[in-house]
Amino acid sequence: RRFLASATTELSGALGMLEYRHGSPKRARRLIRESLVSPTDNTVAQARWIAARVTGIEISESAWGTPHSYEAWCWRAYQVGQWDEAFSYAKQWVRDEPFSSRAAVHATFIAESIFNDHDYAIACAQQVLQADPNDSMLLNNLVVALLNAGRIEEARTIFEHLERSIPASTDQYVYTATGGMMKYRSGDAAAGYALYEKA
């Protein structure tokens, strides 16, 4: 308490995340509230994430107005179905954090699932994969974008690499469904159906 809130906001937010992950929502709530006294864009994003899981955390309008809070703004718009705003903020999030696979995964998901913007999804994924070439979900989203763009052989090459490296801890149904899409787009409807049913 000897320090200004602006000097401890990042520490409070990080500790709040740790407390939540270690099963102490009460401590997490207190620390996240402290992080919101003089927040940064990062602590607003952390607060938004925890507030969706822990009751009693209110993000004030002044906190929401913290400059460059693209991640938080993106998720807020996404949760209420404001797709244009969510996509715009997702793109700004990627530009603000060009090496963040989390930002790119979200941006490419919105690009594909809502706007059918294959060109953006492919370019975004390829850019961020230069920095983080082993992010399984971003590779998956790239495969989907390539398939939707009709670039089946490129998608197949990436998917075969992805299949060999999918971590056991991930949600396997996502990759199973993408495998189904690969089969459908390759003309094997029966195998595609079977994989979608499994997913």
C-alpha atoms as a PDB file:
ATOM      1  CA  ARG A   1       0.000   0.000   0.000  1.00  0.00           C
ATOM      2  CA  ARG A   2       3.072   2.257  -0.044  1.00  0.00           C
ATOM      3  CA  PHE A   3       2.804   2.338  -3.845  1.00  0.00           C
ATOM      4  CA  LEU A   4       0.385   4.029  -6.216  1.00  0.00           C
ATOM      5  CA  ALA A   5      -2.419   1.829  -7.550  1.00  0.00           C
ATOM      6  CA  SER A   6      -1.126   2.488 -11.063  1.00  0.00           C
ATOM      7  CA  ALA A   7       2.189   0.869 -10.060  1.00  0.00           C
ATOM      8  CA  THR A   8       0.608  -2.282  -8.632  1.00  0.00           C
ATOM      9  CA  THR A   9      -2.308  -2.868 -11.015  1.00  0.00           C
ATOM     10  CA  GLU A  10      -0.467  -5.450 -13.138  1.00  0.00           C
ATOM     11  CA  LEU A  11       0.788  -7.306 -10.066  1.00  0.00           C
ATOM     12  CA  SER A  12      -2.686  -7.322  -8.496  1.00  0.00           C
ATOM     13  CA  GLY A  13      -4.208  -8.647 -11.716  1.00  0.00           C
ATOM     14  CA  ALA A  14      -1.585 -11.375 -12.095  1.00  0.00           C
ATOM     15  CA  LEU A  15      -1.963 -12.480  -8.482  1.00  0.00           C
ATOM     16  CA  GLY A  16      -5.734 -12.424  -8.856  1.00  0.00           C
ATOM     17  CA  MET A  17      -5.467 -14.807 -11.810  1.00  0.00           C
ATOM     18  CA  LEU A  18      -3.167 -17.091  -9.809  1.00  0.00           C
ATOM     19  CA  GLU A  19      -5.527 -17.119  -6.817  1.00  0.00           C
ATOM     20  CA  TYR A  20      -8.470 -17.986  -9.065  1.00  0.00           C
ATOM     21  CA  ARG A  21      -6.550 -20.800 -10.739  1.00  0.00           C
ATOM     22  CA  HIS A  22      -5.552 -22.171  -7.337  1.00  0.00           C
ATOM     23  CA  GLY A  23      -9.142 -22.286  -6.087  1.00  0.00           C
ATOM     24  CA  SER A  24      -9.419 -19.104  -4.037  1.00  0.00           C
ATOM     25  CA  PRO A  25     -12.135 -16.942  -5.627  1.00  0.00           C
ATOM     26  CA  LYS A  26     -12.405 -14.713  -2.547  1.00  0.00           C
ATOM     27  CA  ARG A  27      -8.743 -13.681  -2.754  1.00  0.00           C
ATOM     28  CA  ALA A  28      -9.011 -13.417  -6.531  1.00  0.00           C
ATOM     29  CA  ARG A  29     -12.003 -11.075  -6.189  1.00  0.00           C
ATOM     30  CA  ARG A  30     -10.136  -8.785  -3.768  1.00  0.00           C
ATOM     31  CA  LEU A  31      -7.022  -8.618  -5.939  1.00  0.00           C
ATOM     32  CA  ILE A  32      -8.953  -8.019  -9.163  1.00  0.00           C
ATOM     33  CA  ARG A  33     -10.892  -5.206  -7.504  1.00  0.00           C
ATOM     34  CA  GLU A  34      -7.555  -3.657  -6.485  1.00  0.00           C
ATOM     35  CA  SER A  35      -6.272  -4.008 -10.047  1.00  0.00           C
ATOM     36  CA  LEU A  36      -9.246  -1.979 -11.291  1.00  0.00           C
ATOM     37  CA  VAL A  37      -8.482   1.099  -9.181  1.00  0.00           C
ATOM     38  CA  SER A  38      -6.048   2.375 -11.821  1.00  0.00           C
ATOM     39  CA  PRO A  39      -6.116  -0.305 -14.538  1.00  0.00           C
ATOM     40  CA  THR A  40      -4.158  -0.972 -17.691  1.00  0.00           C
ATOM     41  CA  ASP A  41      -5.604  -2.610 -20.791  1.00  0.00           C
ATOM     42  CA  ASN A  42      -4.159  -5.912 -19.557  1.00  0.00           C
ATOM     43  CA  THR A  43      -5.791  -5.740 -16.118  1.00  0.00           C
ATOM     44  CA  VAL A  44      -9.152  -4.811 -17.675  1.00  0.00           C
ATOM     45  CA  ALA A  45      -8.883  -7.945 -19.848  1.00  0.00           C
ATOM     46  CA  GLN A  46      -8.026 -10.090 -16.802  1.00  0.00           C
ATOM     47  CA  ALA A  47     -10.893  -8.562 -14.812  1.00  0.00           C
ATOM     48  CA  ARG A  48     -13.350  -9.241 -17.641  1.00  0.00           C
ATOM     49  CA  TRP A  49     -12.232 -12.866 -17.808  1.00  0.00           C
ATOM     50  CA  ILE A  50     -12.525 -13.453 -14.055  1.00  0.00           C
ATOM     51  CA  ALA A  51     -15.767 -11.449 -13.724  1.00  0.00           C
ATOM     52  CA  ALA A  52     -17.379 -13.972 -16.062  1.00  0.00           C
ATOM     53  CA  ARG A  53     -16.478 -16.721 -13.571  1.00  0.00           C
ATOM     54  CA  VAL A  54     -16.561 -15.081 -10.125  1.00  0.00           C
ATOM     55  CA  THR A  55     -19.447 -13.032  -8.756  1.00  0.00           C
ATOM     56  CA  GLY A  56     -18.946  -9.638  -7.167  1.00  0.00           C
ATOM     57  CA  ILE A  57     -16.549  -8.068  -9.648  1.00  0.00           C
ATOM     58  CA  GLU A  58     -17.893  -4.931 -11.293  1.00  0.00           C
ATOM     59  CA  ILE A  59     -15.955  -3.231 -14.061  1.00  0.00           C
ATOM     60  CA  SER A  60     -16.750   0.482 -14.020  1.00  0.00           C
ATOM     61  CA  GLU A  61     -17.334   2.504 -17.168  1.00  0.00           C
ATOM     62  CA  SER A  62     -14.124   4.395 -16.465  1.00  0.00           C
ATOM     63  CA  ALA A  63     -12.223   1.092 -16.332  1.00  0.00           C
ATOM     64  CA  TRP A  64     -13.872  -0.039 -19.593  1.00  0.00           C
ATOM     65  CA  GLY A  65     -12.598   3.217 -21.068  1.00  0.00           C
ATOM     66  CA  THR A  66      -8.952   2.325 -20.439  1.00  0.00           C
ATOM     67  CA  PRO A  67      -7.081   2.992 -23.713  1.00  0.00           C
ATOM     68  CA  HIS A  68      -6.063   0.050 -25.914  1.00  0.00           C
ATOM     69  CA  SER A  69      -8.303  -2.460 -24.061  1.00  0.00           C
ATOM     70  CA  TYR A  70      -8.931  -4.276 -27.329  1.00  0.00           C
ATOM     71  CA  GLU A  71      -9.059  -7.753 -25.797  1.00  0.00           C
ATOM     72  CA  ALA A  72     -11.640  -6.772 -23.180  1.00  0.00           C
ATOM     73  CA  TRP A  73     -13.692  -4.741 -25.680  1.00  0.00           C
ATOM     74  CA  CYS A  74     -13.607  -7.634 -28.155  1.00  0.00           C
ATOM     75  CA  TRP A  75     -14.915 -10.142 -25.622  1.00  0.00           C
ATOM     76  CA  ARG A  76     -17.586  -7.754 -24.331  1.00  0.00           C
ATOM     77  CA  ALA A  77     -18.910  -7.207 -27.868  1.00  0.00           C
ATOM     78  CA  TYR A  78     -18.602 -10.929 -28.676  1.00  0.00           C
ATOM     79  CA  GLN A  79     -20.652 -11.982 -25.650  1.00  0.00           C
ATOM     80  CA  VAL A  80     -23.614  -9.835 -26.684  1.00  0.00           C
ATOM     81  CA  GLY A  81     -23.404 -10.686 -30.384  1.00  0.00           C
ATOM     82  CA  GLN A  82     -22.116  -7.320 -31.623  1.00  0.00           C
ATOM     83  CA  TRP A  83     -20.188  -9.031 -34.393  1.00  0.00           C
ATOM     84  CA  ASP A  84     -18.919  -6.016 -36.326  1.00  0.00           C
ATOM     85  CA  GLU A  85     -17.510  -4.458 -33.159  1.00  0.00           C
ATOM     86  CA  ALA A  86     -16.099  -7.772 -31.945  1.00  0.00           C
ATOM     87  CA  PHE A  87     -14.311  -8.349 -35.255  1.00  0.00           C
ATOM     88  CA  SER A  88     -12.986  -4.795 -35.375  1.00  0.00           C
ATOM     89  CA  TYR A  89     -11.623  -5.046 -31.833  1.00  0.00           C
ATOM     90  CA  ALA A  90     -10.187  -8.510 -32.546  1.00  0.00           C
ATOM     91  CA  LYS A  91      -8.224  -7.087 -35.467  1.00  0.00           C
ATOM     92  CA  GLN A  92      -6.971  -4.231 -33.300  1.00  0.00           C
ATOM     93  CA  TRP A  93      -6.019  -6.756 -30.605  1.00  0.00           C
ATOM     94  CA  VAL A  94      -3.928  -8.662 -33.161  1.00  0.00           C
ATOM     95  CA  ARG A  95      -2.270  -5.442 -34.348  1.00  0.00           C
ATOM     96  CA  ASP A  96      -1.557  -4.468 -30.733  1.00  0.00           C
ATOM     97  CA  GLU A  97      -0.178  -7.942 -29.883  1.00  0.00           C
ATOM     98  CA  PRO A  98       1.122  -9.272 -33.220  1.00  0.00           C
ATOM     99  CA  PHE A  99       2.820 -12.276 -31.609  1.00  0.00           C
ATOM    100  CA  SER A 100      -0.187 -13.340 -29.497  1.00  0.00           C
ATOM    101  CA  SER A 101      -1.691 -16.610 -30.616  1.00  0.00           C
ATOM    102  CA  ARG A 102      -4.670 -15.984 -28.270  1.00  0.00           C
ATOM    103  CA  ALA A 103      -5.535 -12.803 -30.144  1.00  0.00           C
ATOM    104  CA  ALA A 104      -5.100 -14.494 -33.515  1.00  0.00           C
ATOM    105  CA  VAL A 105      -7.144 -17.559 -32.553  1.00  0.00           C
ATOM    106  CA  HIS A 106     -10.060 -15.350 -31.584  1.00  0.00           C
ATOM    107  CA  ALA A 107      -9.753 -13.065 -34.614  1.00  0.00           C
ATOM    108  CA  THR A 108      -9.533 -15.969 -37.076  1.00  0.00           C
ATOM    109  CA  PHE A 109     -12.472 -17.723 -35.408  1.00  0.00           C
ATOM    110  CA  ILE A 110     -14.670 -14.631 -35.808  1.00  0.00           C
ATOM    111  CA  ALA A 111     -13.408 -14.088 -39.358  1.00  0.00           C
ATOM    112  CA  GLU A 112     -14.387 -17.619 -40.379  1.00  0.00           C
ATOM    113  CA  SER A 113     -17.477 -18.376 -38.313  1.00  0.00           C
ATOM    114  CA  ILE A 114     -19.240 -15.016 -38.649  1.00  0.00           C
ATOM    115  CA  PHE A 115     -17.880 -13.156 -41.688  1.00  0.00           C
ATOM    116  CA  ASN A 116     -16.486 -15.841 -44.025  1.00  0.00           C
ATOM    117  CA  ASP A 117     -13.425 -13.625 -44.369  1.00  0.00           C
ATOM    118  CA  HIS A 118     -11.025 -16.339 -45.473  1.00  0.00           C
ATOM    119  CA  ASP A 119      -8.349 -13.943 -46.737  1.00  0.00           C
ATOM    120  CA  TYR A 120      -8.067 -12.182 -43.383  1.00  0.00           C
ATOM    121  CA  ALA A 121      -8.119 -15.448 -41.411  1.00  0.00           C
ATOM    122  CA  ILE A 122      -5.356 -16.958 -43.542  1.00  0.00           C
ATOM    123  CA  ALA A 123      -3.147 -13.856 -43.465  1.00  0.00           C
ATOM    124  CA  CYS A 124      -3.623 -13.355 -39.723  1.00  0.00           C
ATOM    125  CA  ALA A 125      -2.890 -16.983 -38.859  1.00  0.00           C
ATOM    126  CA  GLN A 126       0.167 -17.145 -41.096  1.00  0.00           C
ATOM    127  CA  GLN A 127       1.566 -13.933 -39.617  1.00  0.00           C
ATOM    128  CA  VAL A 128       1.238 -15.022 -35.987  1.00  0.00           C
ATOM    129  CA  LEU A 129       2.355 -18.593 -36.678  1.00  0.00           C
ATOM    130  CA  GLN A 130       5.749 -17.172 -37.665  1.00  0.00           C
ATOM    131  CA  ALA A 131       6.196 -16.280 -33.987  1.00  0.00           C
ATOM    132  CA  ASP A 132       4.309 -19.246 -32.504  1.00  0.00           C
ATOM    133  CA  PRO A 133       4.419 -22.046 -35.103  1.00  0.00           C
ATOM    134  CA  ASN A 134       3.129 -24.768 -32.773  1.00  0.00           C
ATOM    135  CA  ASP A 135      -0.142 -23.278 -31.566  1.00  0.00           C
ATOM    136  CA  SER A 136      -2.562 -26.123 -32.316  1.00  0.00           C
ATOM    137  CA  MET A 137      -5.773 -24.085 -32.295  1.00  0.00           C
ATOM    138  CA  LEU A 138      -4.349 -21.413 -34.586  1.00  0.00           C
ATOM    139  CA  LEU A 139      -3.120 -24.111 -36.975  1.00  0.00           C
ATOM    140  CA  ASN A 140      -6.603 -25.635 -36.833  1.00  0.00           C
ATOM    141  CA  ASN A 141      -8.193 -22.278 -37.679  1.00  0.00           C
ATOM    142  CA  LEU A 142      -5.769 -21.862 -40.580  1.00  0.00           C
ATOM    143  CA  VAL A 143      -6.775 -25.285 -41.923  1.00  0.00           C
ATOM    144  CA  VAL A 144     -10.466 -24.335 -41.745  1.00  0.00           C
ATOM    145  CA  ALA A 145      -9.820 -21.020 -43.512  1.00  0.00           C
ATOM    146  CA  LEU A 146      -7.805 -22.725 -46.255  1.00  0.00           C
ATOM    147  CA  LEU A 147     -10.525 -25.345 -46.751  1.00  0.00           C
ATOM    148  CA  ASN A 148     -13.197 -22.669 -46.979  1.00  0.00           C
ATOM    149  CA  ALA A 149     -11.045 -20.819 -49.515  1.00  0.00           C
ATOM    150  CA  GLY A 150     -10.784 -23.994 -51.620  1.00  0.00           C
ATOM    151  CA  ARG A 151      -7.057 -24.455 -50.952  1.00  0.00           C
ATOM    152  CA  ILE A 152      -7.444 -28.115 -50.045  1.00  0.00           C
ATOM    153  CA  GLU A 153      -3.912 -29.397 -50.612  1.00  0.00           C
ATOM    154  CA  GLU A 154      -2.372 -26.622 -48.515  1.00  0.00           C
ATOM    155  CA  ALA A 155      -4.890 -27.388 -45.792  1.00  0.00           C
ATOM    156  CA  ARG A 156      -4.148 -31.116 -45.966  1.00  0.00           C
ATOM    157  CA  THR A 157      -0.395 -30.579 -45.537  1.00  0.00           C
ATOM    158  CA  ILE A 158      -0.914 -28.434 -42.444  1.00  0.00           C
ATOM    159  CA  PHE A 159      -3.564 -30.755 -41.014  1.00  0.00           C
ATOM    160  CA  GLU A 160      -1.330 -33.812 -41.370  1.00  0.00           C
ATOM    161  CA  HIS A 161       1.376 -31.976 -39.414  1.00  0.00           C
ATOM    162  CA  LEU A 162      -1.233 -30.870 -36.867  1.00  0.00           C
ATOM    163  CA  GLU A 163      -2.572 -34.401 -36.365  1.00  0.00           C
ATOM    164  CA  ARG A 164       0.909 -35.579 -35.352  1.00  0.00           C
ATOM    165  CA  SER A 165       1.330 -32.841 -32.741  1.00  0.00           C
ATOM    166  CA  ILE A 166      -2.077 -32.284 -31.121  1.00  0.00           C
ATOM    167  CA  PRO A 167      -1.579 -32.182 -27.336  1.00  0.00           C
ATOM    168  CA  ALA A 168      -3.519 -34.842 -25.447  1.00  0.00           C
ATOM    169  CA  SER A 169      -4.820 -32.185 -23.038  1.00  0.00           C
ATOM    170  CA  THR A 170      -6.754 -30.294 -25.717  1.00  0.00           C
ATOM    171  CA  ASP A 171     -10.377 -30.623 -26.779  1.00  0.00           C
ATOM    172  CA  GLN A 172      -9.995 -33.395 -29.335  1.00  0.00           C
ATOM    173  CA  TYR A 173     -13.474 -32.901 -30.792  1.00  0.00           C
ATOM    174  CA  VAL A 174     -12.345 -29.644 -32.445  1.00  0.00           C
ATOM    175  CA  TYR A 175      -9.676 -31.418 -34.465  1.00  0.00           C
ATOM    176  CA  THR A 176     -11.943 -34.373 -35.155  1.00  0.00           C
ATOM    177  CA  ALA A 177     -14.513 -31.988 -36.652  1.00  0.00           C
ATOM    178  CA  THR A 178     -11.817 -30.310 -38.754  1.00  0.00           C
ATOM    179  CA  GLY A 179     -10.798 -33.759 -39.977  1.00  0.00           C
ATOM    180  CA  GLY A 180     -14.433 -34.288 -40.966  1.00  0.00           C
ATOM    181  CA  MET A 181     -14.429 -31.041 -42.886  1.00  0.00           C
ATOM    182  CA  MET A 182     -11.227 -32.112 -44.630  1.00  0.00           C
ATOM    183  CA  LYS A 183     -12.884 -35.368 -45.723  1.00  0.00           C
ATOM    184  CA  TYR A 184     -16.008 -33.596 -46.980  1.00  0.00           C
ATOM    185  CA  ARG A 185     -14.021 -31.037 -48.962  1.00  0.00           C
ATOM    186  CA  SER A 186     -11.913 -33.867 -50.404  1.00  0.00           C
ATOM    187  CA  GLY A 187     -15.043 -35.637 -51.675  1.00  0.00           C
ATOM    188  CA  ASP A 188     -15.303 -38.392 -49.043  1.00  0.00           C
ATOM    189  CA  ALA A 189     -18.716 -37.582 -47.572  1.00  0.00           C
ATOM    190  CA  ALA A 190     -19.079 -40.882 -45.680  1.00  0.00           C
ATOM    191  CA  ALA A 191     -15.792 -40.426 -43.809  1.00  0.00           C
ATOM    192  CA  GLY A 192     -16.624 -36.771 -43.195  1.00  0.00           C
ATOM    193  CA  TYR A 193     -20.010 -37.710 -41.733  1.00  0.00           C
ATOM    194  CA  ALA A 194     -18.410 -40.325 -39.469  1.00  0.00           C
ATOM    195  CA  LEU A 195     -15.886 -37.845 -38.103  1.00  0.00           C
ATOM    196  CA  TYR A 196     -18.504 -35.154 -37.506  1.00  0.00           C
ATOM    197  CA  GLU A 197     -20.677 -37.702 -35.711  1.00  0.00           C
ATOM    198  CA  LYS A 198     -17.689 -38.700 -33.561  1.00  0.00           C
ATOM    199  CA  ALA A 199     -16.955 -35.042 -32.814  1.00  0.00           C
END
